[in-house]
Amino acid sequence: MSNKIEETMMFKSQIGDSSAREILQQVYAALQEKGYDPINQLVGYLMSGDPVYITSHNQARTKIRKLERYELLEELVGFYLKDL
């Protein structure tokens, strides 16, 4: 007997006290402090999944890895399209 999911499921991740937005802001700041181009580094991470794109400064790498990449993309796309 197989269980098939026939409905779209919605779920929210529980990542402690920090939201995806807060984590992105903290990682962005850490990348800037270290002299990196935060946009290029974040895009590299989102595209590849390779955490070496994110500095370990201020625990940025640890923070961003608390989230799945799709959660970060949801936050970014949602923010970009929220006023449509």
PDB file of N, CA and C in Angstrom:
ATOM      1  N   MET A   1       0.851  -1.166   0.000  1.00  0.00           N
ATOM      2  CA  MET A   1       0.000   0.000   0.000  1.00  0.00           C
ATOM      3  C   MET A   1       0.900   1.232   0.000  1.00  0.00           C
ATOM      4  N   SER A   2       0.756   2.069  -0.996  1.00  0.00           N
ATOM      5  CA  SER A   2       1.596   3.266  -1.078  1.00  0.00           C
ATOM      6  C   SER A   2       0.802   4.496  -0.681  1.00  0.00           C
ATOM      7  N   ASN A   3       1.470   5.384   0.011  1.00  0.00           N
ATOM      8  CA  ASN A   3       0.852   6.650   0.402  1.00  0.00           C
ATOM      9  C   ASN A   3       1.281   7.704  -0.592  1.00  0.00           C
ATOM     10  N   LYS A   4       0.342   8.244  -1.314  1.00  0.00           N
ATOM     11  CA  LYS A   4       0.648   9.300  -2.265  1.00  0.00           C
ATOM     12  C   LYS A   4       0.175  10.624  -1.699  1.00  0.00           C
ATOM     13  N   ILE A   5       1.016  11.618  -1.835  1.00  0.00           N
ATOM     14  CA  ILE A   5       0.621  12.966  -1.424  1.00  0.00           C
ATOM     15  C   ILE A   5      -0.058  13.601  -2.617  1.00  0.00           C
ATOM     16  N   GLU A   6      -1.300  13.955  -2.433  1.00  0.00           N
ATOM     17  CA  GLU A   6      -2.048  14.511  -3.541  1.00  0.00           C
ATOM     18  C   GLU A   6      -2.389  15.969  -3.347  1.00  0.00           C
ATOM     19  N   GLU A   7      -1.866  16.555  -2.300  1.00  0.00           N
ATOM     20  CA  GLU A   7      -2.109  17.959  -2.037  1.00  0.00           C
ATOM     21  C   GLU A   7      -0.787  18.686  -1.947  1.00  0.00           C
ATOM     22  N   THR A   8      -0.807  19.947  -2.318  1.00  0.00           N
ATOM     23  CA  THR A   8       0.384  20.772  -2.148  1.00  0.00           C
ATOM     24  C   THR A   8       0.572  21.034  -0.666  1.00  0.00           C
ATOM     25  N   MET A   9       1.781  20.835  -0.200  1.00  0.00           N
ATOM     26  CA  MET A   9       2.070  21.019   1.219  1.00  0.00           C
ATOM     27  C   MET A   9       2.823  22.326   1.406  1.00  0.00           C
ATOM     28  N   MET A  10       2.475  23.069   2.460  1.00  0.00           N
ATOM     29  CA  MET A  10       3.195  24.273   2.834  1.00  0.00           C
ATOM     30  C   MET A  10       3.859  24.036   4.166  1.00  0.00           C
ATOM     31  N   PHE A  11       5.072  24.501   4.290  1.00  0.00           N
ATOM     32  CA  PHE A  11       5.743  24.378   5.567  1.00  0.00           C
ATOM     33  C   PHE A  11       6.676  25.542   5.761  1.00  0.00           C
ATOM     34  N   LYS A  12       6.937  25.839   7.005  1.00  0.00           N
ATOM     35  CA  LYS A  12       7.863  26.901   7.380  1.00  0.00           C
ATOM     36  C   LYS A  12       8.978  26.276   8.179  1.00  0.00           C
ATOM     37  N   SER A  13      10.163  26.718   7.922  1.00  0.00           N
ATOM     38  CA  SER A  13      11.315  26.227   8.654  1.00  0.00           C
ATOM     39  C   SER A  13      11.427  26.963   9.984  1.00  0.00           C
ATOM     40  N   GLN A  14      11.844  26.266  10.994  1.00  0.00           N
ATOM     41  CA  GLN A  14      12.095  26.875  12.290  1.00  0.00           C
ATOM     42  C   GLN A  14      13.605  26.980  12.462  1.00  0.00           C
ATOM     43  N   ILE A  15      14.141  28.179  12.393  1.00  0.00           N
ATOM     44  CA  ILE A  15      15.593  28.359  12.464  1.00  0.00           C
ATOM     45  C   ILE A  15      15.979  29.169  13.686  1.00  0.00           C
ATOM     46  N   GLY A  16      15.267  28.965  14.760  1.00  0.00           N
ATOM     47  CA  GLY A  16      15.595  29.699  15.968  1.00  0.00           C
ATOM     48  C   GLY A  16      15.011  31.093  15.923  1.00  0.00           C
ATOM     49  N   ASP A  17      15.770  32.036  16.436  1.00  0.00           N
ATOM     50  CA  ASP A  17      15.288  33.403  16.547  1.00  0.00           C
ATOM     51  C   ASP A  17      15.535  34.236  15.292  1.00  0.00           C
ATOM     52  N   SER A  18      16.290  33.728  14.341  1.00  0.00           N
ATOM     53  CA  SER A  18      16.653  34.508  13.162  1.00  0.00           C
ATOM     54  C   SER A  18      15.809  34.121  11.960  1.00  0.00           C
ATOM     55  N   SER A  19      15.298  35.124  11.267  1.00  0.00           N
ATOM     56  CA  SER A  19      14.557  34.874  10.038  1.00  0.00           C
ATOM     57  C   SER A  19      15.543  34.791   8.879  1.00  0.00           C
ATOM     58  N   ALA A  20      15.052  34.321   7.750  1.00  0.00           N
ATOM     59  CA  ALA A  20      15.893  34.249   6.553  1.00  0.00           C
ATOM     60  C   ALA A  20      16.409  35.642   6.197  1.00  0.00           C
ATOM     61  N   ARG A  21      15.549  36.644   6.337  1.00  0.00           N
ATOM     62  CA  ARG A  21      15.952  38.021   6.022  1.00  0.00           C
ATOM     63  C   ARG A  21      17.097  38.473   6.927  1.00  0.00           C
ATOM     64  N   GLU A  22      16.976  38.193   8.216  1.00  0.00           N
ATOM     65  CA  GLU A  22      18.022  38.597   9.158  1.00  0.00           C
ATOM     66  C   GLU A  22      19.346  37.890   8.853  1.00  0.00           C
ATOM     67  N   ILE A  23      19.259  36.618   8.531  1.00  0.00           N
ATOM     68  CA  ILE A  23      20.474  35.875   8.205  1.00  0.00           C
ATOM     69  C   ILE A  23      21.117  36.432   6.941  1.00  0.00           C
ATOM     70  N   LEU A  24      20.315  36.710   5.932  1.00  0.00           N
ATOM     71  CA  LEU A  24      20.868  37.297   4.697  1.00  0.00           C
ATOM     72  C   LEU A  24      21.535  38.641   4.986  1.00  0.00           C
ATOM     73  N   GLN A  25      20.909  39.452   5.827  1.00  0.00           N
ATOM     74  CA  GLN A  25      21.497  40.750   6.160  1.00  0.00           C
ATOM     75  C   GLN A  25      22.809  40.589   6.919  1.00  0.00           C
ATOM     76  N   GLN A  26      22.868  39.649   7.842  1.00  0.00           N
ATOM     77  CA  GLN A  26      24.088  39.414   8.608  1.00  0.00           C
ATOM     78  C   GLN A  26      25.212  38.878   7.724  1.00  0.00           C
ATOM     79  N   VAL A  27      24.875  37.972   6.836  1.00  0.00           N
ATOM     80  CA  VAL A  27      25.875  37.408   5.923  1.00  0.00           C
ATOM     81  C   VAL A  27      26.362  38.486   4.961  1.00  0.00           C
ATOM     82  N   TYR A  28      25.449  39.287   4.454  1.00  0.00           N
ATOM     83  CA  TYR A  28      25.804  40.392   3.559  1.00  0.00           C
ATOM     84  C   TYR A  28      26.807  41.319   4.248  1.00  0.00           C
ATOM     85  N   ALA A  29      26.518  41.684   5.500  1.00  0.00           N
ATOM     86  CA  ALA A  29      27.406  42.580   6.249  1.00  0.00           C
ATOM     87  C   ALA A  29      28.780  41.949   6.466  1.00  0.00           C
ATOM     88  N   ALA A  30      28.806  40.666   6.795  1.00  0.00           N
ATOM     89  CA  ALA A  30      30.085  39.982   7.014  1.00  0.00           C
ATOM     90  C   ALA A  30      30.913  39.939   5.730  1.00  0.00           C
ATOM     91  N   LEU A  31      30.260  39.677   4.608  1.00  0.00           N
ATOM     92  CA  LEU A  31      30.970  39.649   3.320  1.00  0.00           C
ATOM     93  C   LEU A  31      31.528  41.033   2.994  1.00  0.00           C
ATOM     94  N   GLN A  32      30.736  42.059   3.234  1.00  0.00           N
ATOM     95  CA  GLN A  32      31.193  43.430   2.989  1.00  0.00           C
ATOM     96  C   GLN A  32      32.381  43.776   3.874  1.00  0.00           C
ATOM     97  N   GLU A  33      32.309  43.427   5.147  1.00  0.00           N
ATOM     98  CA  GLU A  33      33.395  43.719   6.086  1.00  0.00           C
ATOM     99  C   GLU A  33      34.710  43.079   5.650  1.00  0.00           C
ATOM    100  N   LYS A  34      34.613  41.919   5.028  1.00  0.00           N
ATOM    101  CA  LYS A  34      35.822  41.223   4.580  1.00  0.00           C
ATOM    102  C   LYS A  34      36.281  41.674   3.196  1.00  0.00           C
ATOM    103  N   GLY A  35      35.551  42.607   2.581  1.00  0.00           N
ATOM    104  CA  GLY A  35      35.972  43.160   1.301  1.00  0.00           C
ATOM    105  C   GLY A  35      35.482  42.408   0.077  1.00  0.00           C
ATOM    106  N   TYR A  36      34.544  41.487   0.270  1.00  0.00           N
ATOM    107  CA  TYR A  36      33.987  40.738  -0.860  1.00  0.00           C
ATOM    108  C   TYR A  36      32.807  41.491  -1.458  1.00  0.00           C
ATOM    109  N   ASP A  37      32.451  41.159  -2.689  1.00  0.00           N
ATOM    110  CA  ASP A  37      31.227  41.665  -3.300  1.00  0.00           C
ATOM    111  C   ASP A  37      30.098  40.742  -2.828  1.00  0.00           C
ATOM    112  N   PRO A  38      29.282  41.205  -1.887  1.00  0.00           N
ATOM    113  CA  PRO A  38      28.274  40.320  -1.287  1.00  0.00           C
ATOM    114  C   PRO A  38      27.291  39.714  -2.290  1.00  0.00           C
ATOM    115  N   ILE A  39      26.896  40.481  -3.276  1.00  0.00           N
ATOM    116  CA  ILE A  39      25.936  39.969  -4.263  1.00  0.00           C
ATOM    117  C   ILE A  39      26.547  38.807  -5.039  1.00  0.00           C
ATOM    118  N   ASN A  40      27.756  39.001  -5.547  1.00  0.00           N
ATOM    119  CA  ASN A  40      28.409  37.933  -6.310  1.00  0.00           C
ATOM    120  C   ASN A  40      28.628  36.686  -5.454  1.00  0.00           C
ATOM    121  N   GLN A  41      29.020  36.875  -4.209  1.00  0.00           N
ATOM    122  CA  GLN A  41      29.282  35.738  -3.336  1.00  0.00           C
ATOM    123  C   GLN A  41      27.987  34.991  -3.005  1.00  0.00           C
ATOM    124  N   LEU A  42      26.923  35.733  -2.728  1.00  0.00           N
ATOM    125  CA  LEU A  42      25.647  35.085  -2.425  1.00  0.00           C
ATOM    126  C   LEU A  42      25.088  34.351  -3.641  1.00  0.00           C
ATOM    127  N   VAL A  43      25.207  34.947  -4.811  1.00  0.00           N
ATOM    128  CA  VAL A  43      24.751  34.271  -6.028  1.00  0.00           C
ATOM    129  C   VAL A  43      25.564  32.996  -6.253  1.00  0.00           C
ATOM    130  N   GLY A  44      26.864  33.065  -6.070  1.00  0.00           N
ATOM    131  CA  GLY A  44      27.702  31.879  -6.207  1.00  0.00           C
ATOM    132  C   GLY A  44      27.263  30.777  -5.263  1.00  0.00           C
ATOM    133  N   TYR A  45      26.974  31.137  -4.023  1.00  0.00           N
ATOM    134  CA  TYR A  45      26.513  30.153  -3.050  1.00  0.00           C
ATOM    135  C   TYR A  45      25.156  29.573  -3.449  1.00  0.00           C
ATOM    136  N   LEU A  46      24.221  30.440  -3.826  1.00  0.00           N
ATOM    137  CA  LEU A  46      22.879  29.977  -4.185  1.00  0.00           C
ATOM    138  C   LEU A  46      22.890  29.074  -5.414  1.00  0.00           C
ATOM    139  N   MET A  47      23.747  29.377  -6.371  1.00  0.00           N
ATOM    140  CA  MET A  47      23.825  28.584  -7.597  1.00  0.00           C
ATOM    141  C   MET A  47      24.508  27.233  -7.365  1.00  0.00           C
ATOM    142  N   SER A  48      25.564  27.237  -6.577  1.00  0.00           N
ATOM    143  CA  SER A  48      26.377  26.027  -6.448  1.00  0.00           C
ATOM    144  C   SER A  48      26.102  25.227  -5.176  1.00  0.00           C
ATOM    145  N   GLY A  49      25.666  25.915  -4.129  1.00  0.00           N
ATOM    146  CA  GLY A  49      25.518  25.253  -2.844  1.00  0.00           C
ATOM    147  C   GLY A  49      26.835  25.102  -2.102  1.00  0.00           C
ATOM    148  N   ASP A  50      27.901  25.617  -2.676  1.00  0.00           N
ATOM    149  CA  ASP A  50      29.229  25.495  -2.086  1.00  0.00           C
ATOM    150  C   ASP A  50      29.422  26.582  -1.031  1.00  0.00           C
ATOM    151  N   PRO A  51      29.565  26.206   0.244  1.00  0.00           N
ATOM    152  CA  PRO A  51      29.668  27.204   1.310  1.00  0.00           C
ATOM    153  C   PRO A  51      30.957  28.025   1.293  1.00  0.00           C
ATOM    154  N   VAL A  52      31.938  27.662   0.474  1.00  0.00           N
ATOM    155  CA  VAL A  52      33.174  28.457   0.440  1.00  0.00           C
ATOM    156  C   VAL A  52      32.944  29.848  -0.136  1.00  0.00           C
ATOM    157  N   TYR A  53      31.816  30.073  -0.769  1.00  0.00           N
ATOM    158  CA  TYR A  53      31.487  31.417  -1.258  1.00  0.00           C
ATOM    159  C   TYR A  53      31.182  32.371  -0.102  1.00  0.00           C
ATOM    160  N   ILE A  54      30.901  31.828   1.068  1.00  0.00           N
ATOM    161  CA  ILE A  54      30.519  32.632   2.228  1.00  0.00           C
ATOM    162  C   ILE A  54      31.648  32.616   3.243  1.00  0.00           C
ATOM    163  N   THR A  55      32.052  33.789   3.680  1.00  0.00           N
ATOM    164  CA  THR A  55      33.116  33.909   4.667  1.00  0.00           C
ATOM    165  C   THR A  55      32.697  33.298   6.004  1.00  0.00           C
ATOM    166  N   SER A  56      33.672  32.866   6.767  1.00  0.00           N
ATOM    167  CA  SER A  56      33.380  32.379   8.116  1.00  0.00           C
ATOM    168  C   SER A  56      33.402  33.534   9.127  1.00  0.00           C
ATOM    169  N   HIS A  57      33.755  34.736   8.675  1.00  0.00           N
ATOM    170  CA  HIS A  57      33.778  35.934   9.515  1.00  0.00           C
ATOM    171  C   HIS A  57      32.402  36.142  10.156  1.00  0.00           C
ATOM    172  N   ASN A  58      32.387  36.408  11.460  1.00  0.00           N
ATOM    173  CA  ASN A  58      31.141  36.613  12.216  1.00  0.00           C
ATOM    174  C   ASN A  58      30.168  35.440  12.081  1.00  0.00           C
ATOM    175  N   GLN A  59      30.706  34.256  11.877  1.00  0.00           N
ATOM    176  CA  GLN A  59      29.921  33.016  11.755  1.00  0.00           C
ATOM    177  C   GLN A  59      28.921  33.048  10.599  1.00  0.00           C
ATOM    178  N   ALA A  60      29.237  33.821   9.553  1.00  0.00           N
ATOM    179  CA  ALA A  60      28.320  33.958   8.418  1.00  0.00           C
ATOM    180  C   ALA A  60      28.048  32.613   7.745  1.00  0.00           C
ATOM    181  N   ARG A  61      29.067  31.806   7.569  1.00  0.00           N
ATOM    182  CA  ARG A  61      28.890  30.508   6.900  1.00  0.00           C
ATOM    183  C   ARG A  61      27.989  29.595   7.731  1.00  0.00           C
ATOM    184  N   THR A  62      28.193  29.587   9.022  1.00  0.00           N
ATOM    185  CA  THR A  62      27.362  28.766   9.907  1.00  0.00           C
ATOM    186  C   THR A  62      25.916  29.230   9.860  1.00  0.00           C
ATOM    187  N   LYS A  63      25.717  30.535   9.868  1.00  0.00           N
ATOM    188  CA  LYS A  63      24.357  31.091   9.854  1.00  0.00           C
ATOM    189  C   LYS A  63      23.617  30.745   8.573  1.00  0.00           C
ATOM    190  N   ILE A  64      24.288  30.923   7.431  1.00  0.00           N
ATOM    191  CA  ILE A  64      23.587  30.712   6.158  1.00  0.00           C
ATOM    192  C   ILE A  64      23.284  29.239   5.936  1.00  0.00           C
ATOM    193  N   ARG A  65      24.090  28.361   6.516  1.00  0.00           N
ATOM    194  CA  ARG A  65      23.866  26.933   6.341  1.00  0.00           C
ATOM    195  C   ARG A  65      22.737  26.413   7.232  1.00  0.00           C
ATOM    196  N   LYS A  66      22.187  27.253   8.102  1.00  0.00           N
ATOM    197  CA  LYS A  66      21.014  26.878   8.888  1.00  0.00           C
ATOM    198  C   LYS A  66      19.769  26.840   8.012  1.00  0.00           C
ATOM    199  N   LEU A  67      19.857  27.455   6.859  1.00  0.00           N
ATOM    200  CA  LEU A  67      18.730  27.543   5.930  1.00  0.00           C
ATOM    201  C   LEU A  67      18.995  26.708   4.693  1.00  0.00           C
ATOM    202  N   GLU A  68      17.931  26.196   4.121  1.00  0.00           N
ATOM    203  CA  GLU A  68      18.041  25.555   2.808  1.00  0.00           C
ATOM    204  C   GLU A  68      18.127  26.662   1.762  1.00  0.00           C
ATOM    205  N   ARG A  69      18.777  26.370   0.671  1.00  0.00           N
ATOM    206  CA  ARG A  69      18.911  27.398  -0.375  1.00  0.00           C
ATOM    207  C   ARG A  69      17.553  27.840  -0.904  1.00  0.00           C
ATOM    208  N   TYR A  70      16.589  26.932  -0.996  1.00  0.00           N
ATOM    209  CA  TYR A  70      15.270  27.334  -1.490  1.00  0.00           C
ATOM    210  C   TYR A  70      14.616  28.341  -0.547  1.00  0.00           C
ATOM    211  N   GLU A  71      14.898  28.250   0.752  1.00  0.00           N
ATOM    212  CA  GLU A  71      14.339  29.216   1.702  1.00  0.00           C
ATOM    213  C   GLU A  71      14.911  30.609   1.449  1.00  0.00           C
ATOM    214  N   LEU A  72      16.191  30.667   1.147  1.00  0.00           N
ATOM    215  CA  LEU A  72      16.819  31.946   0.827  1.00  0.00           C
ATOM    216  C   LEU A  72      16.248  32.512  -0.465  1.00  0.00           C
ATOM    217  N   LEU A  73      16.080  31.658  -1.457  1.00  0.00           N
ATOM    218  CA  LEU A  73      15.498  32.112  -2.725  1.00  0.00           C
ATOM    219  C   LEU A  73      14.063  32.587  -2.539  1.00  0.00           C
ATOM    220  N   GLU A  74      13.285  31.888  -1.723  1.00  0.00           N
ATOM    221  CA  GLU A  74      11.917  32.326  -1.434  1.00  0.00           C
ATOM    222  C   GLU A  74      11.912  33.721  -0.824  1.00  0.00           C
ATOM    223  N   GLU A  75      12.802  33.964   0.112  1.00  0.00           N
ATOM    224  CA  GLU A  75      12.892  35.271   0.761  1.00  0.00           C
ATOM    225  C   GLU A  75      13.253  36.354  -0.257  1.00  0.00           C
ATOM    226  N   LEU A  76      14.225  36.080  -1.106  1.00  0.00           N
ATOM    227  CA  LEU A  76      14.673  37.058  -2.089  1.00  0.00           C
ATOM    228  C   LEU A  76      13.603  37.360  -3.132  1.00  0.00           C
ATOM    229  N   VAL A  77      12.988  36.316  -3.672  1.00  0.00           N
ATOM    230  CA  VAL A  77      11.957  36.508  -4.685  1.00  0.00           C
ATOM    231  C   VAL A  77      10.739  37.192  -4.068  1.00  0.00           C
ATOM    232  N   GLY A  78      10.360  36.768  -2.866  1.00  0.00           N
ATOM    233  CA  GLY A  78       9.230  37.394  -2.186  1.00  0.00           C
ATOM    234  C   GLY A  78       9.446  38.868  -1.958  1.00  0.00           C
ATOM    235  N   PHE A  79      10.643  39.241  -1.520  1.00  0.00           N
ATOM    236  CA  PHE A  79      10.953  40.639  -1.277  1.00  0.00           C
ATOM    237  C   PHE A  79      10.924  41.440  -2.584  1.00  0.00           C
ATOM    238  N   TYR A  80      11.496  40.860  -3.628  1.00  0.00           N
ATOM    239  CA  TYR A  80      11.572  41.537  -4.912  1.00  0.00           C
ATOM    240  C   TYR A  80      10.186  41.754  -5.531  1.00  0.00           C
ATOM    241  N   LEU A  81       9.303  40.801  -5.357  1.00  0.00           N
ATOM    242  CA  LEU A  81       7.994  40.858  -6.017  1.00  0.00           C
ATOM    243  C   LEU A  81       6.849  41.283  -5.099  1.00  0.00           C
ATOM    244  N   LYS A  82       7.129  41.664  -3.864  1.00  0.00           N
ATOM    245  CA  LYS A  82       6.068  41.928  -2.890  1.00  0.00           C
ATOM    246  C   LYS A  82       5.121  43.064  -3.278  1.00  0.00           C
ATOM    247  N   ASP A  83       5.556  44.005  -4.075  1.00  0.00           N
ATOM    248  CA  ASP A  83       4.708  45.159  -4.410  1.00  0.00           C
ATOM    249  C   ASP A  83       3.951  44.998  -5.713  1.00  0.00           C
ATOM    250  N   LEU A  84       3.995  43.836  -6.310  1.00  0.00           N
ATOM    251  CA  LEU A  84       3.273  43.631  -7.573  1.00  0.00           C
ATOM    252  C   LEU A  84       1.813  43.380  -7.350  1.00  0.00           C
TER     253      LEU A  84
END
